[in-house]
Amino acid sequence: MESSSKKVSVSLFLYTILMMMMMMICGVRAWTGEINGRVVCDLCGDSSIGPEDHVLQGAEVAVLCITKSGEVLNYQAFTNSKGVYTVAETMPESDRWDACLARPISSFHEHCTSLGEGSSGVKFGYNHPSGYSHTVRPFVYNPANVPTYCI
């Protein structure tokens, strides 16, 4: 029984070495990219982020990317407690992102649910080397009713 488990261990080890050598010979290199941004509630609806405004936790953002090989990838992200969303992917370098579109989908905040002007989406080319990130400008939601202290 012991010799059988040794044979399996040796076979697994040799298989792993063989796969690593094939990847090195074929020149497959991994590439990692990251896209992030924030979603904010613009309480006064003045199109500027100030001390009265706050981040939106749980807001949904969609990121659509086309790769160098022409594949279309669709990602869904939600903001954390700091209003930040992040999308990251590791893939072969030949299939890395070429261009992306980030757009807000919804805000689950009870007051800030109307998408602000100019927040419909952002298109951008992605030409960063592996390990770098692209930060998208903030997406802004407005409340249905502006507080009286803003008027």
Protein backbone atom coordinates (compact mmCIF):
# COMPACT_ATOMS: atom_id res chain seq x y z
CA MET A 1 0.00 0.00 0.00
CA GLU A 2 2.84 2.35 0.86
CA SER A 3 4.57 1.86 -2.51
CA SER A 4 1.28 2.63 -4.29
CA SER A 5 0.92 6.00 -2.53
CA LYS A 6 4.58 6.79 -3.29
CA LYS A 7 3.94 6.10 -6.98
CA VAL A 8 0.95 8.46 -6.93
CA SER A 9 2.98 11.17 -5.18
CA VAL A 10 5.85 10.84 -7.65
CA SER A 11 3.44 10.86 -10.60
CA LEU A 12 1.71 14.00 -9.31
CA PHE A 13 5.08 15.69 -8.76
CA LEU A 14 6.25 14.81 -12.28
CA TYR A 15 2.96 16.02 -13.77
CA THR A 16 3.31 19.37 -11.96
CA ILE A 17 6.90 19.79 -13.19
CA LEU A 18 5.84 18.90 -16.75
CA MET A 19 3.00 21.46 -16.70
CA MET A 20 5.30 24.19 -15.38
CA MET A 21 7.86 23.44 -18.09
CA MET A 22 5.17 23.57 -20.81
CA MET A 23 3.98 26.96 -19.57
CA MET A 24 7.56 28.27 -19.63
CA ILE A 25 8.21 26.88 -23.13
CA CYS A 26 4.95 28.27 -24.52
CA GLY A 27 5.67 31.67 -23.01
CA VAL A 28 2.30 32.03 -21.28
CA ARG A 29 2.55 35.01 -18.96
CA ALA A 30 -0.09 35.98 -16.46
CA TRP A 31 -1.46 39.52 -16.39
CA THR A 32 -3.49 41.10 -13.60
CA GLY A 33 -5.62 44.21 -13.93
CA GLU A 34 -7.81 46.15 -11.51
CA ILE A 35 -10.52 48.78 -11.90
CA ASN A 36 -11.91 50.72 -8.97
CA GLY A 37 -14.00 53.79 -8.20
CA ARG A 38 -16.39 55.37 -5.72
CA VAL A 39 -20.12 56.03 -5.57
CA VAL A 40 -21.25 59.13 -3.68
CA CYS A 41 -24.51 60.77 -2.60
CA ASP A 42 -24.43 64.46 -3.59
CA LEU A 43 -26.94 65.69 -1.01
CA CYS A 44 -27.22 69.25 -2.30
CA GLY A 45 -27.16 68.23 -5.96
CA ASP A 46 -24.50 70.85 -6.65
CA SER A 47 -22.24 68.50 -8.67
CA SER A 48 -19.37 68.93 -6.25
CA ILE A 49 -18.36 66.56 -3.49
CA GLY A 50 -18.31 68.41 -0.20
CA PRO A 51 -18.48 67.75 3.54
CA GLU A 52 -22.29 67.34 3.46
CA ASP A 53 -22.06 64.47 0.96
CA HIS A 54 -21.48 60.84 1.86
CA VAL A 55 -20.41 57.60 0.22
CA LEU A 56 -22.98 55.00 -0.79
CA GLN A 57 -22.48 51.51 0.55
CA GLY A 58 -24.02 48.68 -1.48
CA ALA A 59 -24.37 50.61 -4.75
CA GLU A 60 -24.16 48.38 -7.81
CA VAL A 61 -21.73 49.07 -10.66
CA ALA A 62 -21.27 47.15 -13.92
CA VAL A 63 -17.93 46.99 -15.71
CA LEU A 64 -17.78 45.71 -19.28
CA CYS A 65 -14.35 45.04 -20.84
CA ILE A 66 -13.20 43.85 -24.24
CA THR A 67 -9.93 41.92 -24.32
CA LYS A 68 -7.07 42.12 -26.82
CA SER A 69 -8.36 38.84 -28.26
CA GLY A 70 -11.88 40.30 -28.74
CA GLU A 71 -13.65 38.55 -25.87
CA VAL A 72 -16.25 40.60 -23.99
CA LEU A 73 -16.20 40.25 -20.19
CA ASN A 74 -18.97 41.56 -17.94
CA TYR A 75 -18.35 42.19 -14.23
CA GLN A 76 -20.72 43.20 -11.42
CA ALA A 77 -19.47 44.95 -8.30
CA PHE A 78 -20.96 46.46 -5.15
CA THR A 79 -19.48 49.27 -3.09
CA ASN A 80 -18.07 48.61 0.36
CA SER A 81 -18.56 50.72 3.50
CA LYS A 82 -16.21 53.36 2.05
CA GLY A 83 -18.25 53.59 -1.17
CA VAL A 84 -15.50 51.88 -3.18
CA TYR A 85 -16.04 49.13 -5.75
CA THR A 86 -13.27 46.97 -7.21
CA VAL A 87 -13.05 44.58 -10.15
CA ALA A 88 -9.87 42.53 -10.63
CA GLU A 89 -8.89 39.71 -12.98
CA THR A 90 -5.83 37.60 -13.72
CA MET A 91 -5.59 36.18 -17.23
CA PRO A 92 -3.04 35.36 -19.92
CA GLU A 93 -1.31 38.53 -21.10
CA SER A 94 -2.49 37.92 -24.67
CA ASP A 95 -6.11 38.13 -23.42
CA ARG A 96 -5.73 41.24 -21.22
CA TRP A 97 -8.26 44.08 -21.16
CA ASP A 98 -8.07 46.53 -24.05
CA ALA A 99 -10.98 48.88 -23.33
CA CYS A 100 -13.66 49.05 -20.64
CA LEU A 101 -16.93 50.76 -19.75
CA ALA A 102 -17.91 51.31 -16.12
CA ARG A 103 -21.46 52.40 -15.34
CA PRO A 104 -23.61 52.70 -12.24
CA ILE A 105 -26.58 50.33 -12.07
CA SER A 106 -28.42 51.20 -8.85
CA SER A 107 -28.24 52.75 -5.42
CA PHE A 108 -30.02 51.05 -2.56
CA HIS A 109 -29.91 54.11 -0.32
CA GLU A 110 -33.35 55.20 0.87
CA HIS A 111 -32.90 58.85 -0.19
CA CYS A 112 -30.13 58.97 -2.83
CA THR A 113 -31.56 57.10 -5.79
CA SER A 114 -31.50 59.55 -8.72
CA LEU A 115 -28.43 59.29 -10.91
CA GLY A 116 -26.60 62.62 -11.12
CA GLU A 117 -25.77 64.38 -14.38
CA GLY A 118 -22.72 63.03 -16.14
CA SER A 119 -22.78 59.77 -14.20
CA SER A 120 -24.20 57.52 -16.90
CA GLY A 121 -20.90 55.74 -17.55
CA VAL A 122 -17.23 56.10 -18.36
CA LYS A 123 -15.40 54.49 -21.30
CA PHE A 124 -11.63 54.14 -21.09
CA GLY A 125 -8.73 52.32 -22.66
CA TYR A 126 -6.84 49.97 -20.37
CA ASN A 127 -3.15 49.94 -21.22
CA HIS A 128 -1.64 49.48 -17.77
CA PRO A 129 1.03 46.87 -17.14
CA SER A 130 0.24 43.90 -14.94
CA GLY A 131 -0.39 44.74 -11.31
CA TYR A 132 -1.57 48.32 -11.87
CA SER A 133 -5.08 49.68 -11.40
CA HIS A 134 -7.30 52.22 -13.12
CA THR A 135 -9.43 54.53 -10.98
CA VAL A 136 -12.73 55.68 -12.50
CA ARG A 137 -14.10 59.11 -11.53
CA PRO A 138 -16.85 58.95 -8.87
CA PHE A 139 -20.42 58.17 -9.83
CA VAL A 140 -22.90 60.52 -8.17
CA TYR A 141 -26.48 59.98 -7.02
CA ASN A 142 -28.79 62.79 -5.85
CA PRO A 143 -31.66 62.71 -3.36
CA ALA A 144 -35.21 63.07 -4.66
CA ASN A 145 -35.68 66.02 -2.28
CA VAL A 146 -32.79 68.40 -1.60
CA PRO A 147 -32.43 69.28 2.12
CA THR A 148 -33.43 72.86 3.05
CA TYR A 149 -29.93 73.76 4.23
CA CYS A 150 -28.74 73.36 0.63
CA ILE A 151 -31.14 75.93 -0.80
